[in-house]
Amino acid sequence: MKKFKLACIVVFIISCNANKPILDSNSREDFTIAFGSCNKASLPNLLWDDVLSSDPDVWIWGGDIIYADTDDMSKLKRMYDEQDAVEGYKNLKSKVGIIGSWDDHDYGLNDGGVEFKAKKESQQEFLDFMDVPANSPRRNQEGIYTTHDYVLEEGAIKVLVLDTRYFRTPLTPDTETEKRIKPNAYGEGTILGETQWNWLETQLKNSNAEFNVIVSSIQVLSNEHGFECWGNFPHEVDRLKNLVSSSGAKGVMILSGDRHISEFSRTEVEGTSYPLIDFTSSGLTHAYIDFKGEKNPFRVGEVVKTESFGLVDFDLKNKSVRMRMVGDAGKLLGSLQQTY
């Protein structure tokens, strides 16, 4: 495996009309994550061949794998089966490990949370789709959160998959502006619930991995668009930042989805030697092509509003990461590099 040193915090966005290969033939990182969200089997699934061509070590679903919005488990299963039957995805699944999380549309209730009455049944359908064994502890726990450890000769990468649905308490509608949702009063409500928070704290504090990748179906840093995000629970954002700092975990980063746009967000966290980056990749089959802009005080570079998936390449020797937004035919839409 050839490794290469990446520059610290270099950002460049390339025109959507660029036709540039996503990998050159002379480089291969230690470990590559491919991920994405917002997908419909009924729409053209154009990106699976590009995902496979990027030679990932794992594919991570970031949520909204299907658009079921139902408490009818037969419908939910049928839609998961339709996605499993998509030729490109089937080919990827035969060659690459699949992990990931759900979001509201595959959970079963638009913008849904703790109140969804069919969440236990929906969890089992999701775990079936993810090929989780029948005797797995995840079959009996509340919520789909889990951890995956990838140990290489040069070091380890820990992926922490969060469940931002099962325990999430009600949102606050915004009746004063054109936005859909406004932040709760500080300290009111939760995204993860105490059991999952305790699990996450234990995982980060005991992690010896060089990189700790948190998968959140909704954005963590971008907080002013008026849709679902961690910013609707500002105390939960602060709690996560404090945990990243106090845990001493190395190389913590966030992968998110949901928004039908792709972007990089970054902030400094007191007590850490590296910035916290939230890489949003969305959507796989349908994107917010009419996007006209929104404020994100943490944004780095430009928003990508075409169908895309994300790639995260790890160079363990140099403690470096390259993050890329990739479109159809391998078009490179945006890139961010960070040394930890």
C-alpha atoms as a PDB file:
ATOM      1  CA  MET A   1       0.000   0.000   0.000  1.00  0.00           C
ATOM      2  CA  LYS A   2       1.393   3.346  -0.983  1.00  0.00           C
ATOM      3  CA  LYS A   3       0.850   6.122   1.515  1.00  0.00           C
ATOM      4  CA  PHE A   4       1.180   9.831   0.894  1.00  0.00           C
ATOM      5  CA  LYS A   5       1.344  12.867   3.106  1.00  0.00           C
ATOM      6  CA  LEU A   6      -1.631  15.209   2.954  1.00  0.00           C
ATOM      7  CA  ALA A   7      -1.468  18.919   3.661  1.00  0.00           C
ATOM      8  CA  CYS A   8      -3.219  20.300   6.716  1.00  0.00           C
ATOM      9  CA  ILE A   9      -6.586  21.984   6.039  1.00  0.00           C
ATOM     10  CA  VAL A  10      -6.552  22.378   2.288  1.00  0.00           C
ATOM     11  CA  VAL A  11      -9.946  22.899   0.699  1.00  0.00           C
ATOM     12  CA  PHE A  12     -10.899  23.075  -2.949  1.00  0.00           C
ATOM     13  CA  ILE A  13     -14.205  22.789  -4.736  1.00  0.00           C
ATOM     14  CA  ILE A  14     -14.227  21.670  -8.346  1.00  0.00           C
ATOM     15  CA  SER A  15     -16.934  22.506 -10.852  1.00  0.00           C
ATOM     16  CA  CYS A  16     -19.666  19.921 -11.251  1.00  0.00           C
ATOM     17  CA  ASN A  17     -18.729  19.829 -14.935  1.00  0.00           C
ATOM     18  CA  ALA A  18     -15.220  18.645 -14.156  1.00  0.00           C
ATOM     19  CA  ASN A  19     -14.530  15.118 -15.317  1.00  0.00           C
ATOM     20  CA  LYS A  20     -11.764  13.918 -13.087  1.00  0.00           C
ATOM     21  CA  PRO A  21     -11.134  10.361 -11.855  1.00  0.00           C
ATOM     22  CA  ILE A  22     -11.684   9.840  -8.161  1.00  0.00           C
ATOM     23  CA  LEU A  23      -8.601   7.696  -7.718  1.00  0.00           C
ATOM     24  CA  ASP A  24      -5.294   7.777  -9.503  1.00  0.00           C
ATOM     25  CA  SER A  25      -3.622   4.472 -10.238  1.00  0.00           C
ATOM     26  CA  ASN A  26      -0.531   5.224  -8.172  1.00  0.00           C
ATOM     27  CA  SER A  27      -2.073   5.818  -4.767  1.00  0.00           C
ATOM     28  CA  ARG A  28      -3.929   3.689  -2.245  1.00  0.00           C
ATOM     29  CA  GLU A  29      -4.700   4.757   1.288  1.00  0.00           C
ATOM     30  CA  ASP A  30      -4.623   2.506   4.339  1.00  0.00           C
ATOM     31  CA  PHE A  31      -8.404   2.485   4.652  1.00  0.00           C
ATOM     32  CA  THR A  32     -11.273   4.015   2.677  1.00  0.00           C
ATOM     33  CA  ILE A  33     -14.830   4.674   3.800  1.00  0.00           C
ATOM     34  CA  ALA A  34     -17.538   5.333   1.221  1.00  0.00           C
ATOM     35  CA  PHE A  35     -20.851   6.680   2.509  1.00  0.00           C
ATOM     36  CA  GLY A  36     -24.054   8.363   1.476  1.00  0.00           C
ATOM     37  CA  SER A  37     -27.708   8.971   2.254  1.00  0.00           C
ATOM     38  CA  CYS A  38     -31.114   9.805   0.762  1.00  0.00           C
ATOM     39  CA  ASN A  39     -31.758   6.992  -1.689  1.00  0.00           C
ATOM     40  CA  LYS A  40     -34.754   5.619  -3.590  1.00  0.00           C
ATOM     41  CA  ALA A  41     -34.751   2.293  -5.404  1.00  0.00           C
ATOM     42  CA  SER A  42     -37.462   3.686  -7.704  1.00  0.00           C
ATOM     43  CA  LEU A  43     -35.119   6.387  -9.043  1.00  0.00           C
ATOM     44  CA  PRO A  44     -32.011   5.802 -11.184  1.00  0.00           C
ATOM     45  CA  ASN A  45     -29.271   4.432  -8.916  1.00  0.00           C
ATOM     46  CA  LEU A  46     -26.364   5.830 -10.929  1.00  0.00           C
ATOM     47  CA  LEU A  47     -23.588   5.931  -8.356  1.00  0.00           C
ATOM     48  CA  TRP A  48     -23.040   2.329  -7.245  1.00  0.00           C
ATOM     49  CA  ASP A  49     -20.521   1.589 -10.003  1.00  0.00           C
ATOM     50  CA  ASP A  50     -18.603   4.719  -9.000  1.00  0.00           C
ATOM     51  CA  VAL A  51     -18.685   3.680  -5.347  1.00  0.00           C
ATOM     52  CA  LEU A  52     -17.282   0.278  -6.243  1.00  0.00           C
ATOM     53  CA  SER A  53     -14.630   1.836  -8.510  1.00  0.00           C
ATOM     54  CA  SER A  54     -13.362   3.852  -5.542  1.00  0.00           C
ATOM     55  CA  ASP A  55     -12.333   0.546  -3.932  1.00  0.00           C
ATOM     56  CA  PRO A  56     -13.745   1.229  -0.450  1.00  0.00           C
ATOM     57  CA  ASP A  57     -13.135  -1.011   2.529  1.00  0.00           C
ATOM     58  CA  VAL A  58     -16.655  -0.378   3.831  1.00  0.00           C
ATOM     59  CA  TRP A  59     -19.877   1.299   2.721  1.00  0.00           C
ATOM     60  CA  ILE A  60     -21.758   3.288   5.380  1.00  0.00           C
ATOM     61  CA  TRP A  61     -25.418   4.164   4.991  1.00  0.00           C
ATOM     62  CA  GLY A  62     -26.045   7.606   6.476  1.00  0.00           C
ATOM     63  CA  GLY A  63     -29.829   7.174   6.640  1.00  0.00           C
ATOM     64  CA  ASP A  64     -32.896   7.490   4.415  1.00  0.00           C
ATOM     65  CA  ILE A  65     -31.962   4.264   2.674  1.00  0.00           C
ATOM     66  CA  ILE A  66     -35.586   4.036   1.560  1.00  0.00           C
ATOM     67  CA  TYR A  67     -38.557   6.396   1.702  1.00  0.00           C
ATOM     68  CA  ALA A  68     -41.179   4.306   3.436  1.00  0.00           C
ATOM     69  CA  ASP A  69     -42.724   6.686   6.010  1.00  0.00           C
ATOM     70  CA  THR A  70     -44.949   3.918   7.274  1.00  0.00           C
ATOM     71  CA  ASP A  71     -45.839   1.791  10.283  1.00  0.00           C
ATOM     72  CA  ASP A  72     -46.710  -1.059   7.898  1.00  0.00           C
ATOM     73  CA  MET A  73     -43.804  -3.477   8.284  1.00  0.00           C
ATOM     74  CA  SER A  74     -44.722  -5.418   5.130  1.00  0.00           C
ATOM     75  CA  LYS A  75     -44.313  -2.208   3.100  1.00  0.00           C
ATOM     76  CA  LEU A  76     -41.050  -1.427   4.866  1.00  0.00           C
ATOM     77  CA  LYS A  77     -39.673  -4.883   4.119  1.00  0.00           C
ATOM     78  CA  ARG A  78     -40.809  -4.715   0.509  1.00  0.00           C
ATOM     79  CA  MET A  79     -38.953  -1.434  -0.023  1.00  0.00           C
ATOM     80  CA  TYR A  80     -35.782  -2.783   1.607  1.00  0.00           C
ATOM     81  CA  ASP A  81     -36.049  -5.833  -0.670  1.00  0.00           C
ATOM     82  CA  GLU A  82     -36.364  -3.531  -3.692  1.00  0.00           C
ATOM     83  CA  GLN A  83     -33.159  -1.756  -2.703  1.00  0.00           C
ATOM     84  CA  ASP A  84     -31.384  -5.085  -2.184  1.00  0.00           C
ATOM     85  CA  ALA A  85     -32.409  -6.036  -5.726  1.00  0.00           C
ATOM     86  CA  VAL A  86     -30.830  -2.945  -7.358  1.00  0.00           C
ATOM     87  CA  GLU A  87     -28.095  -4.418  -9.544  1.00  0.00           C
ATOM     88  CA  GLY A  88     -25.369  -1.921  -8.716  1.00  0.00           C
ATOM     89  CA  TYR A  89     -26.010  -2.106  -5.001  1.00  0.00           C
ATOM     90  CA  LYS A  90     -26.185  -5.893  -5.118  1.00  0.00           C
ATOM     91  CA  ASN A  91     -22.770  -5.918  -6.815  1.00  0.00           C
ATOM     92  CA  LEU A  92     -21.300  -3.592  -4.183  1.00  0.00           C
ATOM     93  CA  LYS A  93     -22.786  -5.660  -1.367  1.00  0.00           C
ATOM     94  CA  SER A  94     -21.174  -8.825  -2.718  1.00  0.00           C
ATOM     95  CA  LYS A  95     -17.718  -7.242  -2.495  1.00  0.00           C
ATOM     96  CA  VAL A  96     -17.783  -4.667   0.312  1.00  0.00           C
ATOM     97  CA  GLY A  97     -18.968  -4.721   3.918  1.00  0.00           C
ATOM     98  CA  ILE A  98     -22.135  -2.707   4.598  1.00  0.00           C
ATOM     99  CA  ILE A  99     -22.893  -0.877   7.860  1.00  0.00           C
ATOM    100  CA  GLY A 100     -24.817   2.240   8.769  1.00  0.00           C
ATOM    101  CA  SER A 101     -27.711   4.055  10.394  1.00  0.00           C
ATOM    102  CA  TRP A 102     -31.287   5.016   9.605  1.00  0.00           C
ATOM    103  CA  ASP A 103     -33.034   8.370   9.406  1.00  0.00           C
ATOM    104  CA  ASP A 104     -36.681   9.378   9.566  1.00  0.00           C
ATOM    105  CA  HIS A 105     -37.907   7.979   6.237  1.00  0.00           C
ATOM    106  CA  ASP A 106     -36.556   4.468   6.813  1.00  0.00           C
ATOM    107  CA  TYR A 107     -37.314   4.720  10.535  1.00  0.00           C
ATOM    108  CA  GLY A 108     -40.925   5.095   9.434  1.00  0.00           C
ATOM    109  CA  LEU A 109     -42.093   8.592  10.436  1.00  0.00           C
ATOM    110  CA  ASN A 110     -41.147  11.890   8.797  1.00  0.00           C
ATOM    111  CA  ASP A 111     -39.155  13.931  11.354  1.00  0.00           C
ATOM    112  CA  GLY A 112     -40.034  11.141  13.779  1.00  0.00           C
ATOM    113  CA  GLY A 113     -38.512  10.378  17.123  1.00  0.00           C
ATOM    114  CA  VAL A 114     -39.327   8.648  20.386  1.00  0.00           C
ATOM    115  CA  GLU A 115     -43.067   8.876  19.758  1.00  0.00           C
ATOM    116  CA  PHE A 116     -43.097   6.495  16.755  1.00  0.00           C
ATOM    117  CA  LYS A 117     -45.211   3.536  17.878  1.00  0.00           C
ATOM    118  CA  ALA A 118     -43.715   0.996  15.460  1.00  0.00           C
ATOM    119  CA  LYS A 119     -40.048   1.723  16.233  1.00  0.00           C
ATOM    120  CA  LYS A 120     -39.328  -1.698  17.756  1.00  0.00           C
ATOM    121  CA  GLU A 121     -40.707  -3.498  14.726  1.00  0.00           C
ATOM    122  CA  SER A 122     -38.977  -1.085  12.367  1.00  0.00           C
ATOM    123  CA  GLN A 123     -35.664  -1.748  14.116  1.00  0.00           C
ATOM    124  CA  GLN A 124     -35.925  -5.454  13.310  1.00  0.00           C
ATOM    125  CA  GLU A 125     -36.616  -4.741   9.619  1.00  0.00           C
ATOM    126  CA  PHE A 126     -33.623  -2.417   9.486  1.00  0.00           C
ATOM    127  CA  LEU A 127     -31.374  -5.009  11.114  1.00  0.00           C
ATOM    128  CA  ASP A 128     -32.639  -7.620   8.650  1.00  0.00           C
ATOM    129  CA  PHE A 129     -31.683  -5.324   5.771  1.00  0.00           C
ATOM    130  CA  MET A 130     -28.235  -4.824   7.302  1.00  0.00           C
ATOM    131  CA  ASP A 131     -27.815  -8.620   7.651  1.00  0.00           C
ATOM    132  CA  VAL A 132     -27.344  -8.395  11.412  1.00  0.00           C
ATOM    133  CA  PRO A 133     -27.411 -11.952  12.849  1.00  0.00           C
ATOM    134  CA  ALA A 134     -30.541 -13.080  14.664  1.00  0.00           C
ATOM    135  CA  ASN A 135     -28.509 -13.708  17.846  1.00  0.00           C
ATOM    136  CA  SER A 136     -26.810 -10.292  17.849  1.00  0.00           C
ATOM    137  CA  PRO A 137     -27.253  -8.214  21.040  1.00  0.00           C
ATOM    138  CA  ARG A 138     -28.500  -5.442  18.763  1.00  0.00           C
ATOM    139  CA  ARG A 139     -31.671  -7.460  18.267  1.00  0.00           C
ATOM    140  CA  ASN A 140     -32.572  -6.967  21.929  1.00  0.00           C
ATOM    141  CA  GLN A 141     -31.303  -3.470  22.672  1.00  0.00           C
ATOM    142  CA  GLU A 142     -33.420  -0.359  22.184  1.00  0.00           C
ATOM    143  CA  GLY A 143     -32.061   1.596  19.234  1.00  0.00           C
ATOM    144  CA  ILE A 144     -29.737   0.618  16.385  1.00  0.00           C
ATOM    145  CA  TYR A 145     -26.538   2.318  17.620  1.00  0.00           C
ATOM    146  CA  THR A 146     -23.393   0.232  17.384  1.00  0.00           C
ATOM    147  CA  THR A 147     -19.637   0.318  16.934  1.00  0.00           C
ATOM    148  CA  HIS A 148     -17.339  -1.240  14.319  1.00  0.00           C
ATOM    149  CA  ASP A 149     -13.584  -1.568  14.790  1.00  0.00           C
ATOM    150  CA  TYR A 150     -11.178  -1.865  11.864  1.00  0.00           C
ATOM    151  CA  VAL A 151      -7.692  -2.860  12.965  1.00  0.00           C
ATOM    152  CA  LEU A 152      -4.821  -2.506  10.518  1.00  0.00           C
ATOM    153  CA  GLU A 153      -1.110  -3.024  10.937  1.00  0.00           C
ATOM    154  CA  GLU A 154      -0.599   0.766  11.071  1.00  0.00           C
ATOM    155  CA  GLY A 155      -3.386   1.400  13.576  1.00  0.00           C
ATOM    156  CA  ALA A 156      -7.135   1.246  14.134  1.00  0.00           C
ATOM    157  CA  ILE A 157     -10.248   3.074  12.962  1.00  0.00           C
ATOM    158  CA  LYS A 158     -13.386   2.999  15.101  1.00  0.00           C
ATOM    159  CA  VAL A 159     -16.779   3.756  13.528  1.00  0.00           C
ATOM    160  CA  LEU A 160     -19.490   4.745  16.003  1.00  0.00           C
ATOM    161  CA  VAL A 161     -22.941   4.553  14.430  1.00  0.00           C
ATOM    162  CA  LEU A 162     -25.488   6.699  16.274  1.00  0.00           C
ATOM    163  CA  ASP A 163     -29.263   6.390  16.406  1.00  0.00           C
ATOM    164  CA  THR A 164     -30.727   9.916  16.218  1.00  0.00           C
ATOM    165  CA  ARG A 165     -34.344   8.655  16.013  1.00  0.00           C
ATOM    166  CA  TYR A 166     -35.272   6.079  18.643  1.00  0.00           C
ATOM    167  CA  PHE A 167     -34.783   8.336  21.683  1.00  0.00           C
ATOM    168  CA  ARG A 168     -35.132  11.807  20.180  1.00  0.00           C
ATOM    169  CA  THR A 169     -37.689  13.950  22.001  1.00  0.00           C
ATOM    170  CA  PRO A 170     -40.057  16.417  20.275  1.00  0.00           C
ATOM    171  CA  LEU A 171     -38.925  19.271  18.078  1.00  0.00           C
ATOM    172  CA  THR A 172     -40.126  22.860  18.434  1.00  0.00           C
ATOM    173  CA  PRO A 173     -42.007  24.169  15.373  1.00  0.00           C
ATOM    174  CA  ASP A 174     -41.043  27.689  14.292  1.00  0.00           C
ATOM    175  CA  THR A 175     -44.241  29.729  14.094  1.00  0.00           C
ATOM    176  CA  GLU A 176     -42.464  33.092  13.834  1.00  0.00           C
ATOM    177  CA  THR A 177     -40.372  32.734  10.664  1.00  0.00           C
ATOM    178  CA  GLU A 178     -40.450  30.754   7.411  1.00  0.00           C
ATOM    179  CA  LYS A 179     -38.221  28.094   8.930  1.00  0.00           C
ATOM    180  CA  ARG A 180     -39.806  24.770   9.861  1.00  0.00           C
ATOM    181  CA  ILE A 181     -38.076  24.154  13.208  1.00  0.00           C
ATOM    182  CA  LYS A 182     -36.411  26.323  15.827  1.00  0.00           C
ATOM    183  CA  PRO A 183     -34.051  25.281  18.637  1.00  0.00           C
ATOM    184  CA  ASN A 184     -35.529  23.994  21.887  1.00  0.00           C
ATOM    185  CA  ALA A 185     -34.910  25.953  25.051  1.00  0.00           C
ATOM    186  CA  TYR A 186     -31.379  25.175  26.247  1.00  0.00           C
ATOM    187  CA  GLY A 187     -31.388  21.941  28.254  1.00  0.00           C
ATOM    188  CA  GLU A 188     -34.784  20.821  26.979  1.00  0.00           C
ATOM    189  CA  GLY A 189     -34.988  17.412  25.287  1.00  0.00           C
ATOM    190  CA  THR A 190     -32.483  14.918  23.946  1.00  0.00           C
ATOM    191  CA  ILE A 191     -31.310  13.411  20.677  1.00  0.00           C
ATOM    192  CA  LEU A 192     -29.520  10.296  21.925  1.00  0.00           C
ATOM    193  CA  GLY A 193     -31.123   9.527  25.282  1.00  0.00           C
ATOM    194  CA  GLU A 194     -29.089   8.747  28.405  1.00  0.00           C
ATOM    195  CA  THR A 195     -28.441   5.084  27.620  1.00  0.00           C
ATOM    196  CA  GLN A 196     -26.926   5.911  24.247  1.00  0.00           C
ATOM    197  CA  TRP A 197     -25.020   8.878  25.654  1.00  0.00           C
ATOM    198  CA  ASN A 198     -23.464   6.615  28.293  1.00  0.00           C
ATOM    199  CA  TRP A 199     -22.548   4.087  25.618  1.00  0.00           C
ATOM    200  CA  LEU A 200     -20.933   6.784  23.454  1.00  0.00           C
ATOM    201  CA  GLU A 201     -18.970   8.151  26.402  1.00  0.00           C
ATOM    202  CA  THR A 202     -17.636   4.683  27.234  1.00  0.00           C
ATOM    203  CA  GLN A 203     -16.698   3.998  23.624  1.00  0.00           C
ATOM    204  CA  LEU A 204     -14.770   7.255  23.173  1.00  0.00           C
ATOM    205  CA  LYS A 205     -13.034   7.203  26.546  1.00  0.00           C
ATOM    206  CA  ASN A 206     -11.839   3.631  26.010  1.00  0.00           C
ATOM    207  CA  SER A 207     -10.888   4.034  22.366  1.00  0.00           C
ATOM    208  CA  ASN A 208      -7.282   3.480  21.343  1.00  0.00           C
ATOM    209  CA  ALA A 209      -8.051   4.079  17.675  1.00  0.00           C
ATOM    210  CA  GLU A 210      -6.141   6.629  15.643  1.00  0.00           C
ATOM    211  CA  PHE A 211      -9.451   7.820  14.207  1.00  0.00           C
ATOM    212  CA  ASN A 212     -12.956   7.778  15.680  1.00  0.00           C
ATOM    213  CA  VAL A 213     -15.666   8.280  13.072  1.00  0.00           C
ATOM    214  CA  ILE A 214     -19.119   9.226  14.374  1.00  0.00           C
ATOM    215  CA  VAL A 215     -22.023   8.535  12.018  1.00  0.00           C
ATOM    216  CA  SER A 216     -25.013  10.824  12.618  1.00  0.00           C
ATOM    217  CA  SER A 217     -27.961  10.764  10.228  1.00  0.00           C
ATOM    218  CA  ILE A 218     -28.559  14.498  10.795  1.00  0.00           C
ATOM    219  CA  GLN A 219     -26.062  17.353  10.694  1.00  0.00           C
ATOM    220  CA  VAL A 220     -24.225  18.175  13.894  1.00  0.00           C
ATOM    221  CA  LEU A 221     -22.626  21.551  13.131  1.00  0.00           C
ATOM    222  CA  SER A 222     -24.781  23.380  10.554  1.00  0.00           C
ATOM    223  CA  ASN A 223     -27.557  24.804  12.716  1.00  0.00           C
ATOM    224  CA  GLU A 224     -29.373  27.738  11.096  1.00  0.00           C
ATOM    225  CA  HIS A 225     -31.316  26.206   8.194  1.00  0.00           C
ATOM    226  CA  GLY A 226     -34.506  25.463  10.112  1.00  0.00           C
ATOM    227  CA  PHE A 227     -34.611  21.751   9.346  1.00  0.00           C
ATOM    228  CA  GLU A 228     -33.614  18.816  11.528  1.00  0.00           C
ATOM    229  CA  CYS A 229     -30.138  19.041  13.044  1.00  0.00           C
ATOM    230  CA  TRP A 230     -28.352  18.732  16.354  1.00  0.00           C
ATOM    231  CA  GLY A 231     -28.581  22.521  16.620  1.00  0.00           C
ATOM    232  CA  ASN A 232     -32.260  22.138  17.559  1.00  0.00           C
ATOM    233  CA  PHE A 233     -30.905  20.714  20.823  1.00  0.00           C
ATOM    234  CA  PRO A 234     -28.002  23.142  21.461  1.00  0.00           C
ATOM    235  CA  HIS A 235     -27.152  21.594  24.818  1.00  0.00           C
ATOM    236  CA  GLU A 236     -26.630  18.243  23.051  1.00  0.00           C
ATOM    237  CA  VAL A 237     -24.130  19.856  20.686  1.00  0.00           C
ATOM    238  CA  ASP A 238     -22.226  21.250  23.668  1.00  0.00           C
ATOM    239  CA  ARG A 239     -22.360  17.868  25.374  1.00  0.00           C
ATOM    240  CA  LEU A 240     -20.862  16.187  22.322  1.00  0.00           C
ATOM    241  CA  LYS A 241     -18.072  18.763  22.048  1.00  0.00           C
ATOM    242  CA  ASN A 242     -17.290  18.414  25.740  1.00  0.00           C
ATOM    243  CA  LEU A 243     -17.192  14.627  25.372  1.00  0.00           C
ATOM    244  CA  VAL A 244     -14.835  14.813  22.396  1.00  0.00           C
ATOM    245  CA  SER A 245     -12.541  16.992  24.487  1.00  0.00           C
ATOM    246  CA  SER A 246     -12.775  15.160  27.825  1.00  0.00           C
ATOM    247  CA  SER A 247     -12.540  11.654  26.365  1.00  0.00           C
ATOM    248  CA  GLY A 248      -9.090  12.236  24.889  1.00  0.00           C
ATOM    249  CA  ALA A 249     -10.205  10.283  21.807  1.00  0.00           C
ATOM    250  CA  LYS A 250      -8.001  10.816  18.784  1.00  0.00           C
ATOM    251  CA  GLY A 251      -9.120  11.932  15.369  1.00  0.00           C
ATOM    252  CA  VAL A 252     -12.838  12.359  16.031  1.00  0.00           C
ATOM    253  CA  MET A 253     -14.856  13.309  12.943  1.00  0.00           C
ATOM    254  CA  ILE A 254     -18.524  13.211  11.940  1.00  0.00           C
ATOM    255  CA  LEU A 255     -20.265  11.806   8.864  1.00  0.00           C
ATOM    256  CA  SER A 256     -23.840  13.005   8.320  1.00  0.00           C
ATOM    257  CA  GLY A 257     -26.596  13.059   5.708  1.00  0.00           C
ATOM    258  CA  ASP A 258     -30.300  14.013   5.448  1.00  0.00           C
ATOM    259  CA  ARG A 259     -30.078  17.375   3.680  1.00  0.00           C
ATOM    260  CA  HIS A 260     -29.933  16.498  -0.060  1.00  0.00           C
ATOM    261  CA  ILE A 261     -26.825  18.662  -0.281  1.00  0.00           C
ATOM    262  CA  SER A 262     -23.203  17.886   0.478  1.00  0.00           C
ATOM    263  CA  GLU A 263     -20.887  20.164   2.414  1.00  0.00           C
ATOM    264  CA  PHE A 264     -18.006  20.329   4.864  1.00  0.00           C
ATOM    265  CA  SER A 265     -18.447  22.041   8.235  1.00  0.00           C
ATOM    266  CA  ARG A 266     -15.666  22.632  10.743  1.00  0.00           C
ATOM    267  CA  THR A 267     -15.254  24.089  14.227  1.00  0.00           C
ATOM    268  CA  GLU A 268     -12.575  24.262  16.879  1.00  0.00           C
ATOM    269  CA  VAL A 269     -13.189  22.337  20.099  1.00  0.00           C
ATOM    270  CA  GLU A 270     -11.471  23.586  23.216  1.00  0.00           C
ATOM    271  CA  GLY A 271      -9.108  21.014  24.674  1.00  0.00           C
ATOM    272  CA  THR A 272      -8.390  19.169  21.429  1.00  0.00           C
ATOM    273  CA  SER A 273      -5.444  19.485  19.071  1.00  0.00           C
ATOM    274  CA  TYR A 274      -7.595  19.112  15.950  1.00  0.00           C
ATOM    275  CA  PRO A 275     -10.798  20.656  14.563  1.00  0.00           C
ATOM    276  CA  LEU A 276     -14.111  18.814  14.567  1.00  0.00           C
ATOM    277  CA  ILE A 277     -15.271  18.237  10.990  1.00  0.00           C
ATOM    278  CA  ASP A 278     -18.814  17.312   9.963  1.00  0.00           C
ATOM    279  CA  PHE A 279     -18.815  15.869   6.419  1.00  0.00           C
ATOM    280  CA  THR A 280     -22.377  15.842   5.055  1.00  0.00           C
ATOM    281  CA  SER A 281     -23.018  13.645   2.005  1.00  0.00           C
ATOM    282  CA  SER A 282     -26.563  13.664   0.530  1.00  0.00           C
ATOM    283  CA  GLY A 283     -28.288  12.563  -1.652  1.00  0.00           C
ATOM    284  CA  LEU A 284     -27.546   9.451  -3.645  1.00  0.00           C
ATOM    285  CA  THR A 285     -30.527   9.460  -6.009  1.00  0.00           C
ATOM    286  CA  HIS A 286     -32.114  12.893  -5.555  1.00  0.00           C
ATOM    287  CA  ALA A 287     -30.513  16.160  -4.541  1.00  0.00           C
ATOM    288  CA  TYR A 288     -31.680  19.689  -3.746  1.00  0.00           C
ATOM    289  CA  ILE A 289     -30.919  21.010  -7.246  1.00  0.00           C
ATOM    290  CA  ASP A 290     -32.864  24.242  -6.614  1.00  0.00           C
ATOM    291  CA  PHE A 291     -30.732  25.069  -3.567  1.00  0.00           C
ATOM    292  CA  LYS A 292     -30.245  28.843  -3.461  1.00  0.00           C
ATOM    293  CA  GLY A 293     -28.172  29.080  -0.326  1.00  0.00           C
ATOM    294  CA  GLU A 294     -28.462  29.087   3.461  1.00  0.00           C
ATOM    295  CA  LYS A 295     -26.317  30.324   6.283  1.00  0.00           C
ATOM    296  CA  ASN A 296     -23.891  27.868   7.827  1.00  0.00           C
ATOM    297  CA  PRO A 297     -21.301  29.620   9.999  1.00  0.00           C
ATOM    298  CA  PHE A 298     -19.179  26.458  10.026  1.00  0.00           C
ATOM    299  CA  ARG A 299     -19.088  25.793   6.271  1.00  0.00           C
ATOM    300  CA  VAL A 300     -15.771  25.215   4.529  1.00  0.00           C
ATOM    301  CA  GLY A 301     -15.868  25.591   0.749  1.00  0.00           C
ATOM    302  CA  GLU A 302     -19.065  25.461  -1.299  1.00  0.00           C
ATOM    303  CA  VAL A 303     -22.260  23.437  -1.173  1.00  0.00           C
ATOM    304  CA  VAL A 304     -22.670  20.612  -3.703  1.00  0.00           C
ATOM    305  CA  LYS A 305     -26.300  20.251  -4.803  1.00  0.00           C
ATOM    306  CA  THR A 306     -26.078  17.334  -7.221  1.00  0.00           C
ATOM    307  CA  GLU A 307     -26.278  13.602  -6.536  1.00  0.00           C
ATOM    308  CA  SER A 308     -23.094  12.413  -4.853  1.00  0.00           C
ATOM    309  CA  PHE A 309     -21.486  10.118  -2.300  1.00  0.00           C
ATOM    310  CA  GLY A 310     -18.646  10.686   0.131  1.00  0.00           C
ATOM    311  CA  LEU A 311     -15.192   9.149   0.373  1.00  0.00           C
ATOM    312  CA  VAL A 312     -12.923   9.313   3.414  1.00  0.00           C
ATOM    313  CA  ASP A 313      -9.345   8.076   2.905  1.00  0.00           C
ATOM    314  CA  PHE A 314      -7.141   7.443   5.939  1.00  0.00           C
ATOM    315  CA  ASP A 315      -3.348   7.631   5.925  1.00  0.00           C
ATOM    316  CA  LEU A 316      -2.566   6.175   9.333  1.00  0.00           C
ATOM    317  CA  LYS A 317       1.191   6.684   9.253  1.00  0.00           C
ATOM    318  CA  ASN A 318       0.861  10.411   8.645  1.00  0.00           C
ATOM    319  CA  LYS A 319      -2.357  10.791  10.691  1.00  0.00           C
ATOM    320  CA  SER A 320      -4.012  12.355   7.666  1.00  0.00           C
ATOM    321  CA  VAL A 321      -7.449  12.175   6.086  1.00  0.00           C
ATOM    322  CA  ARG A 322      -8.678  13.104   2.622  1.00  0.00           C
ATOM    323  CA  MET A 323     -12.435  13.666   2.253  1.00  0.00           C
ATOM    324  CA  ARG A 324     -14.087  13.828  -1.164  1.00  0.00           C
ATOM    325  CA  MET A 325     -17.518  14.433  -2.648  1.00  0.00           C
ATOM    326  CA  VAL A 326     -17.927  12.320  -5.784  1.00  0.00           C
ATOM    327  CA  GLY A 327     -20.605  12.440  -8.469  1.00  0.00           C
ATOM    328  CA  ASP A 328     -21.638  10.285 -11.403  1.00  0.00           C
ATOM    329  CA  ALA A 329     -18.850   9.074 -13.705  1.00  0.00           C
ATOM    330  CA  GLY A 330     -16.333   9.727 -10.936  1.00  0.00           C
ATOM    331  CA  LYS A 331     -16.574  13.513 -11.039  1.00  0.00           C
ATOM    332  CA  LEU A 332     -14.749  15.102  -8.129  1.00  0.00           C
ATOM    333  CA  LEU A 333     -17.070  17.756  -6.730  1.00  0.00           C
ATOM    334  CA  GLY A 334     -15.241  18.819  -3.599  1.00  0.00           C
ATOM    335  CA  SER A 335     -12.351  17.874  -1.361  1.00  0.00           C
ATOM    336  CA  LEU A 336     -11.012  18.580   2.107  1.00  0.00           C
ATOM    337  CA  GLN A 337      -7.735  17.392   3.588  1.00  0.00           C
ATOM    338  CA  GLN A 338      -6.875  17.355   7.275  1.00  0.00           C
ATOM    339  CA  THR A 339      -3.850  16.251   9.277  1.00  0.00           C
ATOM    340  CA  TYR A 340      -4.563  15.244  12.880  1.00  0.00           C
END
